[in-house]
Amino acid sequence: MDWDKDYTATWNHPHRFLISGILKTFDWISLFEIGCGSGANLINIFKCFEGKTIQLGGQDIVPEAIAAGKKVLPGAILKIGPGNDVMMSDDSADVILTDMCLIYIDPTKIHSYLKEIKRIGRRYVLLCELHSESFYGRVKLWYNSGYYAHNYIKLLRRHGFYDITLYKIPEAGWPGGEPQKTFGFIIKAKIPPRK
């Protein structure tokens, strides 16, 4: 894969502006993206928040993606590694973002990712993922596409997240895209405070 051409150049995909638009509805300074690829979301956020002091970072399992991201985001903290083992201290970033990376995580492993998001996050989680409350809908999606949708309302509540808001991704936000047209949501929730 040519990360510069095939991924970084997608910084202006419509759904990335939806993510940045939701980020404008609350206060934050630092954001860390799990599964950041070469940083297309981070580029969009940087451009949408131009003039605001923000700190951006991300992690991905593909070394070539991180290398490509470092070329275009020299001020960002970019790391190589899985999303359920982030080499950061507790409460490291105000916002933890994912964008269609948890669609590859099966139901037996999703809890480890949410625990890690809860550990490194300080205030909010923003998940741009495939969501369905229907067990049969999730199974059918996996059978037909190999992608996992999760019931994020149930999962986030189980892990203590609260004030959960779902934003359905409109067709204009992901033109012609299945399964995003049916299952695509941006889910915002507050991260529970440490005890």
N, C-alpha and C. Protein backbone atom coordinates (compact mmCIF):
# COMPACT_ATOMS: atom_id res chain seq x y z
N MET A 1 0.84 -1.19 0.00
CA MET A 1 0.00 0.00 0.00
C MET A 1 0.88 1.25 0.00
N ASP A 2 0.54 2.19 -0.82
CA ASP A 2 1.21 3.49 -0.83
C ASP A 2 0.46 4.39 0.16
N TRP A 3 0.97 4.49 1.36
CA TRP A 3 0.26 5.22 2.43
C TRP A 3 0.06 6.69 2.10
N ASP A 4 1.04 7.29 1.42
CA ASP A 4 0.90 8.70 1.06
C ASP A 4 -0.27 8.90 0.09
N LYS A 5 -0.30 8.08 -0.96
CA LYS A 5 -1.31 8.24 -2.01
C LYS A 5 -2.66 7.66 -1.61
N ASP A 6 -2.65 6.47 -1.01
CA ASP A 6 -3.89 5.74 -0.77
C ASP A 6 -4.57 6.09 0.55
N TYR A 7 -3.85 6.70 1.50
CA TYR A 7 -4.48 6.98 2.79
C TYR A 7 -4.31 8.43 3.23
N THR A 8 -3.09 8.92 3.29
CA THR A 8 -2.86 10.29 3.74
C THR A 8 -3.65 11.28 2.90
N ALA A 9 -3.73 11.03 1.60
CA ALA A 9 -4.44 11.94 0.69
C ALA A 9 -5.95 11.96 0.94
N THR A 10 -6.46 11.05 1.76
CA THR A 10 -7.90 11.03 2.05
C THR A 10 -8.25 11.90 3.26
N TRP A 11 -7.37 12.82 3.62
CA TRP A 11 -7.61 13.67 4.79
C TRP A 11 -8.92 14.48 4.64
N ASN A 12 -9.38 14.68 3.42
CA ASN A 12 -10.59 15.49 3.20
C ASN A 12 -11.83 14.65 2.88
N HIS A 13 -11.79 13.36 3.20
CA HIS A 13 -12.99 12.52 3.04
C HIS A 13 -14.10 13.10 3.92
N PRO A 14 -15.34 13.13 3.44
CA PRO A 14 -16.43 13.80 4.19
C PRO A 14 -16.60 13.34 5.63
N HIS A 15 -16.38 12.06 5.92
CA HIS A 15 -16.60 11.61 7.30
C HIS A 15 -15.59 12.21 8.27
N ARG A 16 -14.41 12.58 7.75
CA ARG A 16 -13.40 13.19 8.62
C ARG A 16 -13.86 14.59 9.07
N PHE A 17 -14.59 15.29 8.21
CA PHE A 17 -15.15 16.59 8.61
C PHE A 17 -16.26 16.42 9.65
N LEU A 18 -16.98 15.29 9.58
CA LEU A 18 -17.98 15.01 10.62
C LEU A 18 -17.30 14.83 11.98
N ILE A 19 -16.19 14.10 11.98
CA ILE A 19 -15.43 13.90 13.22
C ILE A 19 -14.96 15.25 13.75
N SER A 20 -14.34 16.06 12.90
CA SER A 20 -13.85 17.37 13.34
C SER A 20 -15.00 18.26 13.81
N GLY A 21 -16.15 18.16 13.14
CA GLY A 21 -17.31 18.94 13.56
C GLY A 21 -17.78 18.59 14.96
N ILE A 22 -17.79 17.30 15.28
CA ILE A 22 -18.17 16.89 16.64
C ILE A 22 -17.12 17.35 17.64
N LEU A 23 -15.85 17.30 17.26
CA LEU A 23 -14.79 17.77 18.16
C LEU A 23 -14.93 19.25 18.49
N LYS A 24 -15.59 20.01 17.61
CA LYS A 24 -15.78 21.44 17.87
C LYS A 24 -16.90 21.71 18.88
N THR A 25 -17.64 20.67 19.29
CA THR A 25 -18.77 20.88 20.21
C THR A 25 -18.38 20.81 21.68
N PHE A 26 -17.12 20.54 21.97
CA PHE A 26 -16.67 20.49 23.37
C PHE A 26 -15.20 20.91 23.45
N ASP A 27 -14.76 21.24 24.64
CA ASP A 27 -13.39 21.71 24.85
C ASP A 27 -12.43 20.54 25.04
N TRP A 28 -11.29 20.66 24.41
CA TRP A 28 -10.21 19.68 24.56
C TRP A 28 -8.92 20.31 24.07
N ILE A 29 -7.81 19.74 24.48
CA ILE A 29 -6.49 20.21 24.02
C ILE A 29 -5.71 19.09 23.35
N SER A 30 -5.80 17.87 23.91
CA SER A 30 -5.01 16.76 23.38
C SER A 30 -5.90 15.64 22.86
N LEU A 31 -5.47 15.03 21.74
CA LEU A 31 -6.23 13.95 21.12
C LEU A 31 -5.25 12.88 20.66
N PHE A 32 -5.62 11.63 20.90
CA PHE A 32 -4.81 10.50 20.49
C PHE A 32 -5.71 9.53 19.72
N GLU A 33 -5.28 9.15 18.50
CA GLU A 33 -6.07 8.24 17.67
C GLU A 33 -5.47 6.84 17.65
N ILE A 34 -6.27 5.86 18.03
CA ILE A 34 -5.88 4.46 17.93
C ILE A 34 -6.24 3.99 16.53
N GLY A 35 -5.27 3.38 15.85
CA GLY A 35 -5.48 2.95 14.47
C GLY A 35 -5.42 4.13 13.52
N CYS A 36 -4.45 5.00 13.71
CA CYS A 36 -4.40 6.28 12.98
C CYS A 36 -3.93 6.15 11.54
N GLY A 37 -3.44 4.97 11.13
CA GLY A 37 -2.87 4.86 9.78
C GLY A 37 -1.75 5.87 9.62
N SER A 38 -1.73 6.56 8.51
CA SER A 38 -0.70 7.58 8.29
C SER A 38 -1.16 8.98 8.68
N GLY A 39 -2.29 9.07 9.39
CA GLY A 39 -2.67 10.34 10.00
C GLY A 39 -3.69 11.18 9.26
N ALA A 40 -4.50 10.58 8.39
CA ALA A 40 -5.47 11.38 7.62
C ALA A 40 -6.43 12.15 8.54
N ASN A 41 -6.94 11.50 9.57
CA ASN A 41 -7.82 12.21 10.52
C ASN A 41 -7.07 13.33 11.23
N LEU A 42 -5.84 13.04 11.63
CA LEU A 42 -5.06 14.03 12.36
C LEU A 42 -4.78 15.26 11.49
N ILE A 43 -4.54 15.03 10.20
CA ILE A 43 -4.35 16.16 9.27
C ILE A 43 -5.63 16.98 9.19
N ASN A 44 -6.77 16.31 9.04
CA ASN A 44 -8.05 17.02 8.96
C ASN A 44 -8.30 17.82 10.23
N ILE A 45 -8.07 17.21 11.37
CA ILE A 45 -8.28 17.90 12.65
C ILE A 45 -7.35 19.10 12.77
N PHE A 46 -6.09 18.91 12.40
CA PHE A 46 -5.12 20.01 12.45
C PHE A 46 -5.59 21.18 11.59
N LYS A 47 -6.07 20.89 10.38
CA LYS A 47 -6.54 21.95 9.49
C LYS A 47 -7.82 22.60 10.01
N CYS A 48 -8.73 21.82 10.56
CA CYS A 48 -10.00 22.35 11.07
C CYS A 48 -9.83 23.16 12.35
N PHE A 49 -8.74 22.92 13.07
CA PHE A 49 -8.48 23.63 14.31
C PHE A 49 -7.28 24.56 14.19
N GLU A 50 -6.99 24.98 12.97
CA GLU A 50 -5.86 25.87 12.73
C GLU A 50 -5.98 27.12 13.60
N GLY A 51 -4.90 27.47 14.24
CA GLY A 51 -4.90 28.64 15.12
C GLY A 51 -5.17 28.29 16.57
N LYS A 52 -5.64 27.06 16.84
CA LYS A 52 -5.89 26.63 18.21
C LYS A 52 -4.71 25.77 18.67
N THR A 53 -4.31 25.93 19.90
CA THR A 53 -3.23 25.11 20.44
C THR A 53 -3.78 23.74 20.79
N ILE A 54 -3.36 22.74 20.02
CA ILE A 54 -3.77 21.37 20.27
C ILE A 54 -2.57 20.45 20.16
N GLN A 55 -2.67 19.30 20.82
CA GLN A 55 -1.64 18.27 20.75
C GLN A 55 -2.27 17.03 20.13
N LEU A 56 -1.62 16.49 19.09
CA LEU A 56 -2.16 15.34 18.38
C LEU A 56 -1.19 14.17 18.41
N GLY A 57 -1.75 12.98 18.43
CA GLY A 57 -0.93 11.78 18.39
C GLY A 57 -1.75 10.60 17.94
N GLY A 58 -1.04 9.49 17.69
CA GLY A 58 -1.74 8.30 17.27
C GLY A 58 -0.84 7.09 17.28
N GLN A 59 -1.48 5.93 17.13
CA GLN A 59 -0.76 4.67 17.12
C GLN A 59 -1.38 3.75 16.07
N ASP A 60 -0.54 2.98 15.40
CA ASP A 60 -1.00 2.03 14.40
C ASP A 60 -0.05 0.84 14.40
N ILE A 61 -0.55 -0.31 13.97
CA ILE A 61 0.29 -1.51 13.96
C ILE A 61 1.19 -1.61 12.73
N VAL A 62 0.98 -0.73 11.76
CA VAL A 62 1.74 -0.81 10.51
C VAL A 62 2.88 0.22 10.53
N PRO A 63 4.14 -0.24 10.62
CA PRO A 63 5.27 0.69 10.67
C PRO A 63 5.34 1.66 9.49
N GLU A 64 4.99 1.18 8.27
CA GLU A 64 5.04 2.04 7.09
C GLU A 64 4.03 3.19 7.19
N ALA A 65 2.88 2.91 7.80
CA ALA A 65 1.87 3.95 7.99
C ALA A 65 2.39 5.04 8.93
N ILE A 66 2.99 4.63 10.02
CA ILE A 66 3.53 5.60 10.99
C ILE A 66 4.67 6.39 10.35
N ALA A 67 5.52 5.74 9.58
CA ALA A 67 6.61 6.45 8.89
C ALA A 67 6.06 7.50 7.94
N ALA A 68 5.00 7.17 7.20
CA ALA A 68 4.38 8.14 6.28
C ALA A 68 3.75 9.28 7.07
N GLY A 69 3.12 8.97 8.20
CA GLY A 69 2.50 10.00 9.03
C GLY A 69 3.52 10.97 9.60
N LYS A 70 4.67 10.47 9.98
CA LYS A 70 5.71 11.33 10.55
C LYS A 70 6.22 12.36 9.54
N LYS A 71 6.12 12.04 8.25
CA LYS A 71 6.56 12.98 7.21
C LYS A 71 5.63 14.19 7.11
N VAL A 72 4.34 13.98 7.35
CA VAL A 72 3.37 15.07 7.17
C VAL A 72 2.89 15.67 8.50
N LEU A 73 3.19 15.01 9.61
CA LEU A 73 2.78 15.49 10.94
C LEU A 73 3.98 15.49 11.88
N PRO A 74 4.98 16.32 11.60
CA PRO A 74 6.20 16.27 12.40
C PRO A 74 6.00 16.61 13.87
N GLY A 75 4.96 17.35 14.21
CA GLY A 75 4.73 17.71 15.61
C GLY A 75 3.89 16.72 16.38
N ALA A 76 3.36 15.70 15.70
CA ALA A 76 2.49 14.72 16.35
C ALA A 76 3.33 13.61 16.99
N ILE A 77 2.79 13.02 18.03
CA ILE A 77 3.40 11.85 18.66
C ILE A 77 2.79 10.62 18.00
N LEU A 78 3.58 9.93 17.19
CA LEU A 78 3.09 8.77 16.45
C LEU A 78 3.88 7.54 16.86
N LYS A 79 3.15 6.46 17.19
CA LYS A 79 3.78 5.26 17.72
C LYS A 79 3.33 4.04 16.93
N ILE A 80 4.15 3.00 16.98
CA ILE A 80 3.82 1.72 16.37
C ILE A 80 3.36 0.78 17.48
N GLY A 81 2.23 0.13 17.28
CA GLY A 81 1.77 -0.85 18.25
C GLY A 81 0.28 -1.08 18.15
N PRO A 82 -0.21 -2.11 18.83
CA PRO A 82 -1.64 -2.42 18.80
C PRO A 82 -2.44 -1.47 19.68
N GLY A 83 -3.71 -1.34 19.37
CA GLY A 83 -4.58 -0.41 20.10
C GLY A 83 -4.95 -0.85 21.49
N ASN A 84 -4.65 -2.09 21.84
CA ASN A 84 -4.94 -2.54 23.20
C ASN A 84 -3.69 -2.58 24.08
N ASP A 85 -2.61 -1.96 23.59
CA ASP A 85 -1.36 -1.87 24.36
C ASP A 85 -0.63 -0.60 23.93
N VAL A 86 -1.09 0.53 24.44
CA VAL A 86 -0.54 1.83 24.06
C VAL A 86 0.50 2.24 25.10
N MET A 87 1.69 2.55 24.64
CA MET A 87 2.79 2.93 25.55
C MET A 87 2.64 4.39 25.98
N MET A 88 1.61 4.64 26.77
CA MET A 88 1.35 5.97 27.32
C MET A 88 0.87 5.79 28.76
N SER A 89 1.07 6.81 29.55
CA SER A 89 0.62 6.74 30.94
C SER A 89 -0.90 6.93 31.02
N ASP A 90 -1.45 6.65 32.19
CA ASP A 90 -2.88 6.85 32.43
C ASP A 90 -3.24 8.31 32.21
N ASP A 91 -4.47 8.56 31.76
CA ASP A 91 -4.99 9.92 31.58
C ASP A 91 -4.11 10.78 30.67
N SER A 92 -3.62 10.22 29.59
CA SER A 92 -2.66 10.92 28.73
C SER A 92 -3.27 11.94 27.78
N ALA A 93 -4.51 11.72 27.31
CA ALA A 93 -5.08 12.61 26.30
C ALA A 93 -6.54 12.90 26.65
N ASP A 94 -6.97 14.12 26.32
CA ASP A 94 -8.36 14.52 26.57
C ASP A 94 -9.34 13.67 25.77
N VAL A 95 -8.99 13.37 24.52
CA VAL A 95 -9.88 12.63 23.62
C VAL A 95 -9.14 11.44 23.03
N ILE A 96 -9.80 10.28 23.04
CA ILE A 96 -9.29 9.11 22.33
C ILE A 96 -10.23 8.87 21.15
N LEU A 97 -9.66 8.78 19.96
CA LEU A 97 -10.41 8.62 18.71
C LEU A 97 -10.09 7.28 18.08
N THR A 98 -11.12 6.64 17.50
CA THR A 98 -10.90 5.52 16.59
C THR A 98 -11.74 5.77 15.34
N ASP A 99 -11.27 5.26 14.22
CA ASP A 99 -12.00 5.43 12.96
C ASP A 99 -11.90 4.14 12.15
N MET A 100 -12.91 3.33 12.24
CA MET A 100 -13.02 2.08 11.50
C MET A 100 -11.82 1.17 11.73
N CYS A 101 -11.25 1.21 12.92
CA CYS A 101 -10.19 0.24 13.23
C CYS A 101 -10.74 -0.89 14.10
N LEU A 102 -11.80 -0.62 14.86
CA LEU A 102 -12.36 -1.66 15.72
C LEU A 102 -13.25 -2.62 14.94
N ILE A 103 -13.46 -2.36 13.65
CA ILE A 103 -14.23 -3.28 12.81
C ILE A 103 -13.45 -4.57 12.56
N TYR A 104 -12.16 -4.58 12.90
CA TYR A 104 -11.34 -5.77 12.73
C TYR A 104 -11.17 -6.55 14.04
N ILE A 105 -11.76 -6.04 15.11
CA ILE A 105 -11.57 -6.64 16.43
C ILE A 105 -12.80 -7.48 16.80
N ASP A 106 -12.57 -8.75 17.05
CA ASP A 106 -13.71 -9.63 17.31
C ASP A 106 -14.24 -9.43 18.74
N PRO A 107 -15.46 -9.91 18.98
CA PRO A 107 -16.10 -9.67 20.28
C PRO A 107 -15.33 -10.20 21.49
N THR A 108 -14.45 -11.17 21.30
CA THR A 108 -13.69 -11.69 22.44
C THR A 108 -12.52 -10.77 22.82
N LYS A 109 -12.15 -9.86 21.92
CA LYS A 109 -11.00 -8.98 22.18
C LYS A 109 -11.37 -7.52 22.36
N ILE A 110 -12.60 -7.13 22.03
CA ILE A 110 -12.98 -5.71 22.06
C ILE A 110 -12.85 -5.11 23.45
N HIS A 111 -13.07 -5.91 24.48
CA HIS A 111 -12.99 -5.38 25.85
C HIS A 111 -11.59 -4.87 26.18
N SER A 112 -10.54 -5.55 25.68
CA SER A 112 -9.18 -5.10 25.96
C SER A 112 -8.91 -3.73 25.33
N TYR A 113 -9.53 -3.45 24.19
CA TYR A 113 -9.36 -2.15 23.53
C TYR A 113 -10.09 -1.06 24.32
N LEU A 114 -11.29 -1.36 24.77
CA LEU A 114 -12.04 -0.36 25.53
C LEU A 114 -11.39 -0.08 26.88
N LYS A 115 -10.80 -1.10 27.51
CA LYS A 115 -10.07 -0.90 28.77
C LYS A 115 -8.87 0.02 28.55
N GLU A 116 -8.18 -0.18 27.43
CA GLU A 116 -7.01 0.66 27.13
C GLU A 116 -7.43 2.09 26.81
N ILE A 117 -8.52 2.26 26.07
CA ILE A 117 -9.05 3.60 25.79
C ILE A 117 -9.40 4.30 27.09
N LYS A 118 -10.05 3.58 27.98
CA LYS A 118 -10.44 4.14 29.29
C LYS A 118 -9.20 4.50 30.11
N ARG A 119 -8.16 3.70 30.02
CA ARG A 119 -6.93 3.94 30.80
C ARG A 119 -6.20 5.19 30.32
N ILE A 120 -6.01 5.32 29.00
CA ILE A 120 -5.19 6.43 28.51
C ILE A 120 -6.00 7.71 28.30
N GLY A 121 -7.33 7.59 28.24
CA GLY A 121 -8.16 8.76 28.01
C GLY A 121 -8.47 9.53 29.27
N ARG A 122 -8.66 10.83 29.12
CA ARG A 122 -8.93 11.69 30.26
C ARG A 122 -10.37 12.17 30.31
N ARG A 123 -10.96 12.50 29.13
CA ARG A 123 -12.28 13.11 29.16
C ARG A 123 -13.30 12.45 28.23
N TYR A 124 -12.94 12.25 26.96
CA TYR A 124 -13.91 11.76 25.98
C TYR A 124 -13.34 10.65 25.12
N VAL A 125 -14.24 9.81 24.62
CA VAL A 125 -13.92 8.86 23.57
C VAL A 125 -14.81 9.21 22.38
N LEU A 126 -14.25 9.14 21.19
CA LEU A 126 -14.99 9.39 19.96
C LEU A 126 -14.70 8.21 19.02
N LEU A 127 -15.71 7.37 18.82
CA LEU A 127 -15.56 6.18 18.01
C LEU A 127 -16.31 6.35 16.70
N CYS A 128 -15.63 6.31 15.59
CA CYS A 128 -16.27 6.29 14.27
C CYS A 128 -16.19 4.84 13.82
N GLU A 129 -17.26 4.09 14.09
CA GLU A 129 -17.22 2.64 13.95
C GLU A 129 -18.55 2.10 13.44
N LEU A 130 -18.62 0.79 13.28
CA LEU A 130 -19.84 0.11 12.90
C LEU A 130 -20.56 -0.32 14.17
N HIS A 131 -21.82 0.10 14.31
CA HIS A 131 -22.59 -0.15 15.52
C HIS A 131 -23.93 -0.77 15.17
N SER A 132 -24.34 -1.75 15.98
CA SER A 132 -25.68 -2.31 15.86
C SER A 132 -26.08 -2.90 17.20
N GLU A 133 -27.31 -2.61 17.60
CA GLU A 133 -27.84 -3.22 18.82
C GLU A 133 -28.37 -4.61 18.55
N SER A 134 -28.52 -4.99 17.29
CA SER A 134 -29.06 -6.29 16.90
C SER A 134 -27.96 -7.33 16.82
N PHE A 135 -28.05 -8.36 17.63
CA PHE A 135 -27.09 -9.45 17.58
C PHE A 135 -27.08 -10.08 16.18
N TYR A 136 -28.26 -10.35 15.63
CA TYR A 136 -28.36 -10.97 14.32
C TYR A 136 -27.82 -10.05 13.22
N GLY A 137 -28.03 -8.75 13.37
CA GLY A 137 -27.48 -7.80 12.42
C GLY A 137 -25.96 -7.82 12.43
N ARG A 138 -25.38 -7.93 13.62
CA ARG A 138 -23.92 -7.98 13.74
C ARG A 138 -23.36 -9.27 13.14
N VAL A 139 -24.03 -10.38 13.42
CA VAL A 139 -23.58 -11.67 12.88
C VAL A 139 -23.68 -11.67 11.35
N LYS A 140 -24.78 -11.16 10.83
CA LYS A 140 -24.99 -11.11 9.37
C LYS A 140 -23.91 -10.24 8.71
N LEU A 141 -23.61 -9.09 9.33
CA LEU A 141 -22.56 -8.22 8.79
C LEU A 141 -21.23 -8.96 8.74
N TRP A 142 -20.87 -9.60 9.83
CA TRP A 142 -19.59 -10.32 9.88
C TRP A 142 -19.57 -11.43 8.83
N TYR A 143 -20.65 -12.17 8.71
CA TYR A 143 -20.71 -13.27 7.74
C TYR A 143 -20.57 -12.76 6.31
N ASN A 144 -21.20 -11.63 6.00
CA ASN A 144 -21.19 -11.10 4.64
C ASN A 144 -19.95 -10.29 4.29
N SER A 145 -19.31 -9.68 5.30
CA SER A 145 -18.22 -8.75 4.99
C SER A 145 -16.90 -9.06 5.70
N GLY A 146 -16.97 -9.79 6.82
CA GLY A 146 -15.78 -10.01 7.63
C GLY A 146 -15.52 -8.88 8.62
N TYR A 147 -16.38 -7.84 8.63
CA TYR A 147 -16.24 -6.72 9.56
C TYR A 147 -17.10 -6.94 10.78
N TYR A 148 -16.62 -6.42 11.89
CA TYR A 148 -17.36 -6.51 13.14
C TYR A 148 -18.05 -5.20 13.47
N ALA A 149 -19.35 -5.27 13.69
CA ALA A 149 -20.07 -4.18 14.34
C ALA A 149 -20.19 -4.60 15.80
N HIS A 150 -20.25 -3.63 16.68
CA HIS A 150 -20.42 -3.93 18.11
C HIS A 150 -21.59 -3.11 18.63
N ASN A 151 -22.18 -3.55 19.71
CA ASN A 151 -23.20 -2.77 20.39
C ASN A 151 -22.47 -1.83 21.36
N TYR A 152 -22.10 -0.65 20.85
CA TYR A 152 -21.27 0.25 21.65
C TYR A 152 -22.02 0.86 22.83
N ILE A 153 -23.32 0.98 22.75
CA ILE A 153 -24.06 1.47 23.92
C ILE A 153 -23.84 0.52 25.09
N LYS A 154 -24.06 -0.75 24.84
CA LYS A 154 -23.91 -1.77 25.88
C LYS A 154 -22.46 -1.89 26.35
N LEU A 155 -21.52 -1.93 25.39
CA LEU A 155 -20.11 -2.09 25.73
C LEU A 155 -19.58 -0.90 26.53
N LEU A 156 -19.88 0.31 26.08
CA LEU A 156 -19.37 1.49 26.78
C LEU A 156 -19.95 1.58 28.18
N ARG A 157 -21.22 1.33 28.33
CA ARG A 157 -21.83 1.35 29.67
C ARG A 157 -21.18 0.31 30.58
N ARG A 158 -20.92 -0.86 30.02
CA ARG A 158 -20.29 -1.93 30.82
C ARG A 158 -18.93 -1.50 31.36
N HIS A 159 -18.24 -0.66 30.60
CA HIS A 159 -16.92 -0.20 31.02
C HIS A 159 -16.96 1.14 31.76
N GLY A 160 -18.16 1.61 32.09
CA GLY A 160 -18.28 2.81 32.90
C GLY A 160 -18.36 4.12 32.15
N PHE A 161 -18.29 4.09 30.82
CA PHE A 161 -18.44 5.32 30.04
C PHE A 161 -19.89 5.80 30.20
N TYR A 162 -20.09 7.11 30.07
CA TYR A 162 -21.43 7.65 30.27
C TYR A 162 -21.66 8.84 29.33
N ASP A 163 -22.89 9.40 29.40
CA ASP A 163 -23.29 10.47 28.46
C ASP A 163 -22.99 10.05 27.02
N ILE A 164 -23.47 8.88 26.65
CA ILE A 164 -23.21 8.30 25.34
C ILE A 164 -24.16 8.91 24.31
N THR A 165 -23.59 9.44 23.23
CA THR A 165 -24.38 10.03 22.15
C THR A 165 -23.99 9.36 20.83
N LEU A 166 -24.98 8.94 20.06
CA LEU A 166 -24.74 8.34 18.76
C LEU A 166 -25.13 9.31 17.66
N TYR A 167 -24.24 9.48 16.69
CA TYR A 167 -24.50 10.28 15.50
C TYR A 167 -24.44 9.34 14.30
N LYS A 168 -25.56 9.14 13.63
CA LYS A 168 -25.57 8.29 12.44
C LYS A 168 -24.80 9.00 11.33
N ILE A 169 -23.89 8.29 10.69
CA ILE A 169 -23.16 8.87 9.56
C ILE A 169 -24.11 8.94 8.37
N PRO A 170 -24.40 10.15 7.86
CA PRO A 170 -25.31 10.25 6.71
C PRO A 170 -24.63 9.74 5.45
N GLU A 171 -25.43 9.46 4.43
CA GLU A 171 -24.87 8.96 3.18
C GLU A 171 -23.85 9.94 2.59
N ALA A 172 -24.10 11.23 2.76
CA ALA A 172 -23.15 12.23 2.26
C ALA A 172 -21.83 12.17 3.03
N GLY A 173 -21.87 11.65 4.24
CA GLY A 173 -20.66 11.54 5.05
C GLY A 173 -19.78 10.38 4.65
N TRP A 174 -20.37 9.39 3.97
CA TRP A 174 -19.61 8.25 3.47
C TRP A 174 -20.26 7.82 2.16
N PRO A 175 -20.07 8.59 1.10
CA PRO A 175 -20.79 8.37 -0.16
C PRO A 175 -20.64 6.95 -0.71
N GLY A 176 -21.78 6.31 -0.95
CA GLY A 176 -21.79 4.98 -1.56
C GLY A 176 -21.18 3.88 -0.73
N GLY A 177 -20.91 4.16 0.51
CA GLY A 177 -20.16 3.20 1.31
C GLY A 177 -21.01 2.26 2.14
N GLU A 178 -20.94 0.99 1.85
CA GLU A 178 -21.46 -0.04 2.72
C GLU A 178 -20.25 -0.72 3.33
N PRO A 179 -20.29 -1.08 4.56
CA PRO A 179 -21.42 -1.13 5.47
C PRO A 179 -21.66 0.16 6.26
N GLN A 180 -20.88 1.22 5.98
CA GLN A 180 -21.05 2.47 6.73
C GLN A 180 -22.44 3.06 6.55
N LYS A 181 -23.02 2.90 5.38
CA LYS A 181 -24.35 3.46 5.14
C LYS A 181 -25.37 2.90 6.13
N THR A 182 -25.26 1.62 6.44
CA THR A 182 -26.21 0.97 7.34
C THR A 182 -25.75 1.01 8.79
N PHE A 183 -24.47 0.74 9.03
CA PHE A 183 -23.98 0.53 10.39
C PHE A 183 -23.07 1.65 10.90
N GLY A 184 -22.74 2.64 10.06
CA GLY A 184 -21.77 3.66 10.45
C GLY A 184 -22.31 4.69 11.42
N PHE A 185 -21.62 4.84 12.53
CA PHE A 185 -21.97 5.82 13.56
C PHE A 185 -20.70 6.48 14.08
N ILE A 186 -20.86 7.69 14.58
CA ILE A 186 -19.84 8.30 15.41
C ILE A 186 -20.43 8.31 16.81
N ILE A 187 -19.72 7.69 17.74
CA ILE A 187 -20.21 7.54 19.10
C ILE A 187 -19.33 8.37 20.03
N LYS A 188 -19.93 9.29 20.73
CA LYS A 188 -19.21 10.13 21.69
C LYS A 188 -19.63 9.73 23.09
N ALA A 189 -18.67 9.59 23.99
CA ALA A 189 -19.00 9.27 25.38
C ALA A 189 -17.95 9.89 26.29
N LYS A 190 -18.35 10.11 27.53
CA LYS A 190 -17.41 10.61 28.54
C LYS A 190 -16.71 9.42 29.21
N ILE A 191 -15.45 9.64 29.47
CA ILE A 191 -14.63 8.63 30.13
C ILE A 191 -14.81 8.79 31.64
N PRO A 192 -15.08 7.70 32.35
CA PRO A 192 -15.30 7.84 33.80
C PRO A 192 -14.05 8.32 34.51
N PRO A 193 -14.21 9.16 35.55
CA PRO A 193 -13.06 9.64 36.30
C PRO A 193 -12.39 8.51 37.07
N ARG A 194 -11.11 8.65 37.31
CA ARG A 194 -10.37 7.65 38.08
C ARG A 194 -10.78 7.71 39.55
N LYS A 195 -10.76 6.55 40.18
CA LYS A 195 -11.12 6.49 41.61
C LYS A 195 -9.86 6.52 42.45
